[in-house]
Amino acid sequence: QVQLVESGGGLVQPGGSLRLSCAASGPFFSINDMSWYRQAPGKQRELVAAITGGGTTNYADSVKGRFTISGDNAKNTLYLQMNSLKVEDTAVYYCNLKMFLGGVLARDYWGQGTQVTVSS
C-alpha cells in the first residue's frame, strides 16, 4: 500500500542545483528511516543520504557539504537539495523508506527513480 514517487530530476550544468522530492502515500508510521540512493550507468546502487525518524542524517562522503536531506512530515515528502553538482553525480536517484516494527525491519519500499544528468 505504501507508494513512493520521486520527482525533480533533470538536466543541469556542473555547479548547478536541483531539488528532488519523494512523495509518500499509504499507511506508514512516522518513526521510519528514509533515504536517497543513486545508481549511475554500469555502477552499483549507492546510498547518498539518509534520515531517521528522529532527524539524524548521514551522507556519503562524495556528497557531504553539497547535498541536504530533509523531510516535511505534514506533507509526507522527502527532499534532497543538491548543490554544486558535478558530472559524477549523474545517476538515477531513488527514494527509499524502511518501515520498522518493534525495532525490526518490516518493509522496505522503493520509488521508481528520477534521472539526474549533470552535463555542460
N, C-alpha and C. Protein backbone atom coordinates (compact mmCIF):
# COMPACT_ATOMS: atom_id res chain seq x y z
N GLN A 1 0.81 -1.22 0.00
CA GLN A 1 0.00 0.00 0.00
C GLN A 1 0.84 1.27 0.00
N VAL A 2 2.06 1.19 0.50
CA VAL A 2 2.93 2.36 0.51
C VAL A 2 3.48 2.59 -0.89
N GLN A 3 3.44 3.83 -1.31
CA GLN A 3 3.95 4.21 -2.62
C GLN A 3 4.87 5.41 -2.50
N LEU A 4 5.99 5.36 -3.19
CA LEU A 4 6.95 6.45 -3.21
C LEU A 4 7.10 6.93 -4.65
N VAL A 5 7.00 8.23 -4.85
CA VAL A 5 7.10 8.80 -6.18
C VAL A 5 8.11 9.94 -6.16
N GLU A 6 9.20 9.75 -6.90
CA GLU A 6 10.23 10.78 -6.98
C GLU A 6 9.93 11.77 -8.10
N SER A 7 10.42 12.98 -7.94
CA SER A 7 10.30 14.00 -8.96
C SER A 7 11.41 15.02 -8.77
N GLY A 8 11.60 15.87 -9.76
CA GLY A 8 12.57 16.94 -9.66
C GLY A 8 13.86 16.72 -10.41
N GLY A 9 14.04 15.55 -10.98
CA GLY A 9 15.24 15.29 -11.73
C GLY A 9 15.24 16.05 -13.04
N GLY A 10 16.40 16.10 -13.68
CA GLY A 10 16.51 16.80 -14.94
C GLY A 10 17.94 17.01 -15.33
N LEU A 11 18.13 17.89 -16.30
CA LEU A 11 19.46 18.22 -16.81
C LEU A 11 19.93 19.53 -16.20
N VAL A 12 21.15 19.53 -15.70
CA VAL A 12 21.71 20.72 -15.08
C VAL A 12 23.20 20.78 -15.40
N GLN A 13 23.73 21.99 -15.48
CA GLN A 13 25.15 22.17 -15.74
C GLN A 13 25.96 21.97 -14.47
N PRO A 14 27.24 21.61 -14.61
CA PRO A 14 28.09 21.48 -13.43
C PRO A 14 28.06 22.76 -12.61
N GLY A 15 27.97 22.60 -11.30
CA GLY A 15 27.88 23.74 -10.41
C GLY A 15 26.46 24.17 -10.12
N GLY A 16 25.51 23.62 -10.84
CA GLY A 16 24.12 23.96 -10.66
C GLY A 16 23.48 23.22 -9.51
N SER A 17 22.18 23.43 -9.36
CA SER A 17 21.43 22.83 -8.25
C SER A 17 20.14 22.20 -8.73
N LEU A 18 19.71 21.20 -8.00
CA LEU A 18 18.42 20.55 -8.20
C LEU A 18 17.85 20.17 -6.85
N ARG A 19 16.54 20.11 -6.78
CA ARG A 19 15.86 19.69 -5.57
C ARG A 19 14.94 18.53 -5.90
N LEU A 20 15.27 17.36 -5.39
CA LEU A 20 14.47 16.18 -5.62
C LEU A 20 13.41 16.04 -4.53
N SER A 21 12.26 15.53 -4.91
CA SER A 21 11.18 15.30 -3.97
C SER A 21 10.74 13.85 -4.04
N CYS A 22 10.30 13.33 -2.92
CA CYS A 22 9.76 11.98 -2.84
C CYS A 22 8.47 12.05 -2.05
N ALA A 23 7.37 11.87 -2.74
CA ALA A 23 6.06 11.91 -2.10
C ALA A 23 5.67 10.51 -1.67
N ALA A 24 5.37 10.36 -0.40
CA ALA A 24 4.99 9.07 0.15
C ALA A 24 3.49 9.04 0.42
N SER A 25 2.88 7.94 0.07
CA SER A 25 1.46 7.77 0.31
C SER A 25 1.19 6.37 0.84
N GLY A 26 0.05 6.22 1.47
CA GLY A 26 -0.30 4.93 2.04
C GLY A 26 -0.03 4.90 3.54
N PRO A 27 -0.34 3.79 4.16
CA PRO A 27 -0.18 3.67 5.61
C PRO A 27 1.28 3.40 6.01
N PHE A 28 1.82 4.25 6.85
CA PHE A 28 3.15 4.04 7.40
C PHE A 28 3.29 4.87 8.68
N PHE A 29 4.21 4.45 9.53
CA PHE A 29 4.42 5.13 10.79
C PHE A 29 5.41 6.27 10.63
N SER A 30 5.31 7.24 11.51
CA SER A 30 6.20 8.40 11.45
C SER A 30 7.63 8.04 11.81
N ILE A 31 7.80 7.01 12.61
CA ILE A 31 9.14 6.59 13.00
C ILE A 31 9.68 5.61 11.96
N ASN A 32 10.17 6.18 10.89
CA ASN A 32 10.75 5.42 9.80
C ASN A 32 12.08 6.02 9.39
N ASP A 33 12.88 5.22 8.72
CA ASP A 33 14.12 5.71 8.13
C ASP A 33 13.88 5.91 6.64
N MET A 34 14.27 7.06 6.13
CA MET A 34 14.14 7.32 4.71
C MET A 34 15.49 7.74 4.15
N SER A 35 15.67 7.49 2.88
CA SER A 35 16.98 7.74 2.30
C SER A 35 16.87 7.94 0.79
N TRP A 36 17.96 8.46 0.25
CA TRP A 36 18.13 8.59 -1.19
C TRP A 36 19.30 7.73 -1.62
N TYR A 37 19.07 6.93 -2.63
CA TYR A 37 20.11 6.14 -3.27
C TYR A 37 20.27 6.63 -4.70
N ARG A 38 21.37 6.28 -5.30
CA ARG A 38 21.55 6.59 -6.72
C ARG A 38 22.31 5.47 -7.40
N GLN A 39 22.09 5.36 -8.68
CA GLN A 39 22.77 4.35 -9.47
C GLN A 39 23.16 4.95 -10.81
N ALA A 40 24.44 5.05 -11.04
CA ALA A 40 24.97 5.54 -12.29
C ALA A 40 25.09 4.38 -13.27
N PRO A 41 25.10 4.66 -14.56
CA PRO A 41 25.21 3.59 -15.56
C PRO A 41 26.44 2.73 -15.32
N GLY A 42 26.24 1.42 -15.26
CA GLY A 42 27.33 0.49 -15.08
C GLY A 42 27.90 0.42 -13.68
N LYS A 43 27.27 1.09 -12.73
CA LYS A 43 27.77 1.09 -11.37
C LYS A 43 26.73 0.56 -10.40
N GLN A 44 27.18 0.22 -9.20
CA GLN A 44 26.31 -0.27 -8.16
C GLN A 44 25.46 0.86 -7.58
N ARG A 45 24.30 0.49 -7.08
CA ARG A 45 23.48 1.46 -6.38
C ARG A 45 24.15 1.80 -5.06
N GLU A 46 24.20 3.09 -4.73
CA GLU A 46 24.86 3.53 -3.53
C GLU A 46 23.97 4.44 -2.70
N LEU A 47 24.17 4.40 -1.41
CA LEU A 47 23.45 5.28 -0.50
C LEU A 47 24.02 6.68 -0.60
N VAL A 48 23.15 7.65 -0.82
CA VAL A 48 23.57 9.05 -0.93
C VAL A 48 23.36 9.79 0.37
N ALA A 49 22.17 9.68 0.93
CA ALA A 49 21.84 10.37 2.16
C ALA A 49 20.70 9.65 2.85
N ALA A 50 20.70 9.70 4.17
CA ALA A 50 19.66 9.05 4.95
C ALA A 50 19.23 9.93 6.11
N ILE A 51 18.00 9.74 6.53
CA ILE A 51 17.48 10.47 7.67
C ILE A 51 16.59 9.54 8.47
N THR A 52 16.77 9.54 9.78
CA THR A 52 15.96 8.70 10.65
C THR A 52 14.71 9.43 11.06
N GLY A 53 13.81 8.70 11.69
CA GLY A 53 12.59 9.32 12.18
C GLY A 53 12.87 10.40 13.19
N GLY A 54 14.00 10.31 13.89
CA GLY A 54 14.39 11.30 14.86
C GLY A 54 15.11 12.50 14.28
N GLY A 55 15.39 12.46 12.97
CA GLY A 55 16.01 13.59 12.31
C GLY A 55 17.51 13.48 12.12
N THR A 56 18.11 12.38 12.55
CA THR A 56 19.54 12.18 12.36
C THR A 56 19.84 11.92 10.89
N THR A 57 20.83 12.62 10.36
CA THR A 57 21.18 12.48 8.95
C THR A 57 22.56 11.90 8.77
N ASN A 58 22.75 11.30 7.60
CA ASN A 58 24.04 10.73 7.24
C ASN A 58 24.21 10.87 5.74
N TYR A 59 25.44 11.18 5.31
CA TYR A 59 25.71 11.41 3.90
C TYR A 59 26.90 10.61 3.43
N ALA A 60 26.86 10.26 2.16
CA ALA A 60 28.03 9.67 1.54
C ALA A 60 29.12 10.72 1.48
N ASP A 61 30.36 10.28 1.60
CA ASP A 61 31.48 11.21 1.58
C ASP A 61 31.50 12.06 0.31
N SER A 62 31.07 11.49 -0.78
CA SER A 62 31.13 12.18 -2.06
C SER A 62 30.16 13.35 -2.17
N VAL A 63 29.17 13.42 -1.28
CA VAL A 63 28.17 14.48 -1.36
C VAL A 63 28.13 15.37 -0.13
N LYS A 64 28.94 15.07 0.86
CA LYS A 64 28.95 15.88 2.08
C LYS A 64 29.27 17.33 1.77
N GLY A 65 28.49 18.22 2.36
CA GLY A 65 28.69 19.64 2.14
C GLY A 65 27.98 20.17 0.93
N ARG A 66 27.47 19.29 0.08
CA ARG A 66 26.80 19.71 -1.14
C ARG A 66 25.31 19.33 -1.15
N PHE A 67 24.98 18.19 -0.57
CA PHE A 67 23.60 17.71 -0.56
C PHE A 67 23.01 17.83 0.84
N THR A 68 21.71 18.05 0.90
CA THR A 68 21.00 18.12 2.16
C THR A 68 19.70 17.33 2.06
N ILE A 69 19.52 16.39 2.97
CA ILE A 69 18.30 15.61 3.02
C ILE A 69 17.39 16.19 4.10
N SER A 70 16.12 16.26 3.81
CA SER A 70 15.16 16.80 4.76
C SER A 70 13.79 16.22 4.47
N GLY A 71 12.88 16.43 5.39
CA GLY A 71 11.53 15.92 5.21
C GLY A 71 10.49 16.87 5.74
N ASP A 72 9.32 16.79 5.16
CA ASP A 72 8.17 17.56 5.59
C ASP A 72 7.12 16.54 6.02
N ASN A 73 7.03 16.33 7.32
CA ASN A 73 6.11 15.32 7.83
C ASN A 73 4.65 15.62 7.50
N ALA A 74 4.30 16.89 7.51
CA ALA A 74 2.93 17.27 7.22
C ALA A 74 2.53 16.89 5.80
N LYS A 75 3.49 16.93 4.90
CA LYS A 75 3.21 16.59 3.50
C LYS A 75 3.67 15.19 3.13
N ASN A 76 4.24 14.48 4.10
CA ASN A 76 4.78 13.14 3.84
C ASN A 76 5.71 13.14 2.63
N THR A 77 6.61 14.10 2.63
CA THR A 77 7.50 14.28 1.50
C THR A 77 8.95 14.36 1.95
N LEU A 78 9.81 13.67 1.25
CA LEU A 78 11.25 13.69 1.49
C LEU A 78 11.91 14.51 0.40
N TYR A 79 12.94 15.27 0.76
CA TYR A 79 13.63 16.12 -0.19
C TYR A 79 15.12 15.83 -0.20
N LEU A 80 15.73 16.13 -1.32
CA LEU A 80 17.17 16.10 -1.43
C LEU A 80 17.59 17.34 -2.20
N GLN A 81 18.15 18.30 -1.48
CA GLN A 81 18.67 19.51 -2.10
C GLN A 81 20.09 19.23 -2.54
N MET A 82 20.35 19.38 -3.82
CA MET A 82 21.65 19.08 -4.39
C MET A 82 22.25 20.36 -4.95
N ASN A 83 23.35 20.79 -4.37
CA ASN A 83 24.05 21.98 -4.81
C ASN A 83 25.44 21.62 -5.32
N SER A 84 26.02 22.55 -6.05
CA SER A 84 27.37 22.35 -6.58
C SER A 84 27.50 21.00 -7.28
N LEU A 85 26.55 20.72 -8.13
CA LEU A 85 26.51 19.42 -8.79
C LEU A 85 27.71 19.19 -9.70
N LYS A 86 28.15 17.95 -9.72
CA LYS A 86 29.27 17.53 -10.54
C LYS A 86 28.81 16.50 -11.55
N VAL A 87 29.58 16.32 -12.59
CA VAL A 87 29.22 15.32 -13.60
C VAL A 87 29.15 13.93 -12.97
N GLU A 88 29.93 13.71 -11.93
CA GLU A 88 29.93 12.43 -11.24
C GLU A 88 28.62 12.14 -10.50
N ASP A 89 27.79 13.17 -10.34
CA ASP A 89 26.51 12.99 -9.67
C ASP A 89 25.44 12.45 -10.61
N THR A 90 25.76 12.36 -11.88
CA THR A 90 24.80 11.86 -12.86
C THR A 90 24.40 10.43 -12.51
N ALA A 91 23.11 10.22 -12.34
CA ALA A 91 22.60 8.90 -11.96
C ALA A 91 21.09 8.95 -11.88
N VAL A 92 20.50 7.77 -11.72
CA VAL A 92 19.09 7.69 -11.37
C VAL A 92 19.01 7.70 -9.86
N TYR A 93 18.22 8.59 -9.32
CA TYR A 93 18.09 8.72 -7.87
C TYR A 93 16.80 8.08 -7.40
N TYR A 94 16.92 7.26 -6.36
CA TYR A 94 15.79 6.51 -5.83
C TYR A 94 15.49 6.89 -4.39
N CYS A 95 14.23 7.01 -4.09
CA CYS A 95 13.76 7.24 -2.73
C CYS A 95 13.51 5.89 -2.06
N ASN A 96 13.90 5.78 -0.81
CA ASN A 96 13.74 4.53 -0.07
C ASN A 96 13.14 4.80 1.30
N LEU A 97 12.21 3.95 1.70
CA LEU A 97 11.61 4.03 3.02
C LEU A 97 11.71 2.67 3.70
N LYS A 98 12.25 2.68 4.89
CA LYS A 98 12.35 1.47 5.70
C LYS A 98 11.40 1.58 6.87
N MET A 99 10.46 0.66 6.94
CA MET A 99 9.46 0.65 7.98
C MET A 99 9.84 -0.37 9.05
N PHE A 100 9.97 0.11 10.28
CA PHE A 100 10.35 -0.74 11.39
C PHE A 100 9.17 -0.96 12.34
N LEU A 101 9.06 -2.16 12.85
CA LEU A 101 8.06 -2.52 13.84
C LEU A 101 8.77 -3.26 14.96
N GLY A 102 8.74 -2.70 16.15
CA GLY A 102 9.42 -3.32 17.26
C GLY A 102 10.92 -3.43 17.07
N GLY A 103 11.50 -2.47 16.36
CA GLY A 103 12.92 -2.47 16.12
C GLY A 103 13.37 -3.40 15.01
N VAL A 104 12.43 -4.03 14.35
CA VAL A 104 12.73 -4.96 13.27
C VAL A 104 12.25 -4.38 11.94
N LEU A 105 13.08 -4.49 10.92
CA LEU A 105 12.69 -4.02 9.60
C LEU A 105 11.54 -4.88 9.09
N ALA A 106 10.41 -4.23 8.88
CA ALA A 106 9.23 -4.94 8.43
C ALA A 106 9.04 -4.86 6.92
N ARG A 107 9.28 -3.69 6.37
CA ARG A 107 9.12 -3.46 4.93
C ARG A 107 10.17 -2.49 4.42
N ASP A 108 10.50 -2.65 3.17
CA ASP A 108 11.49 -1.81 2.50
C ASP A 108 10.89 -1.38 1.17
N TYR A 109 10.59 -0.09 1.04
CA TYR A 109 9.91 0.42 -0.15
C TYR A 109 10.83 1.29 -0.99
N TRP A 110 10.59 1.24 -2.30
CA TRP A 110 11.40 2.00 -3.26
C TRP A 110 10.52 2.75 -4.23
N GLY A 111 10.99 3.92 -4.65
CA GLY A 111 10.33 4.65 -5.70
C GLY A 111 10.81 4.18 -7.05
N GLN A 112 10.28 4.78 -8.09
CA GLN A 112 10.62 4.36 -9.45
C GLN A 112 11.92 4.98 -9.96
N GLY A 113 12.37 6.02 -9.30
CA GLY A 113 13.61 6.68 -9.68
C GLY A 113 13.38 7.91 -10.53
N THR A 114 14.29 8.86 -10.42
CA THR A 114 14.26 10.06 -11.25
C THR A 114 15.67 10.35 -11.75
N GLN A 115 15.78 10.65 -13.02
CA GLN A 115 17.09 10.83 -13.66
C GLN A 115 17.65 12.22 -13.38
N VAL A 116 18.89 12.24 -12.95
CA VAL A 116 19.64 13.48 -12.78
C VAL A 116 20.85 13.42 -13.70
N THR A 117 20.94 14.38 -14.59
CA THR A 117 22.06 14.44 -15.53
C THR A 117 22.78 15.76 -15.38
N VAL A 118 24.06 15.69 -15.08
CA VAL A 118 24.90 16.88 -14.92
C VAL A 118 25.85 16.92 -16.09
N SER A 119 25.68 17.90 -16.95
CA SER A 119 26.48 17.98 -18.16
C SER A 119 26.54 19.42 -18.65
N SER A 120 27.67 19.77 -19.23
CA SER A 120 27.83 21.11 -19.76
C SER A 120 27.23 21.22 -21.15
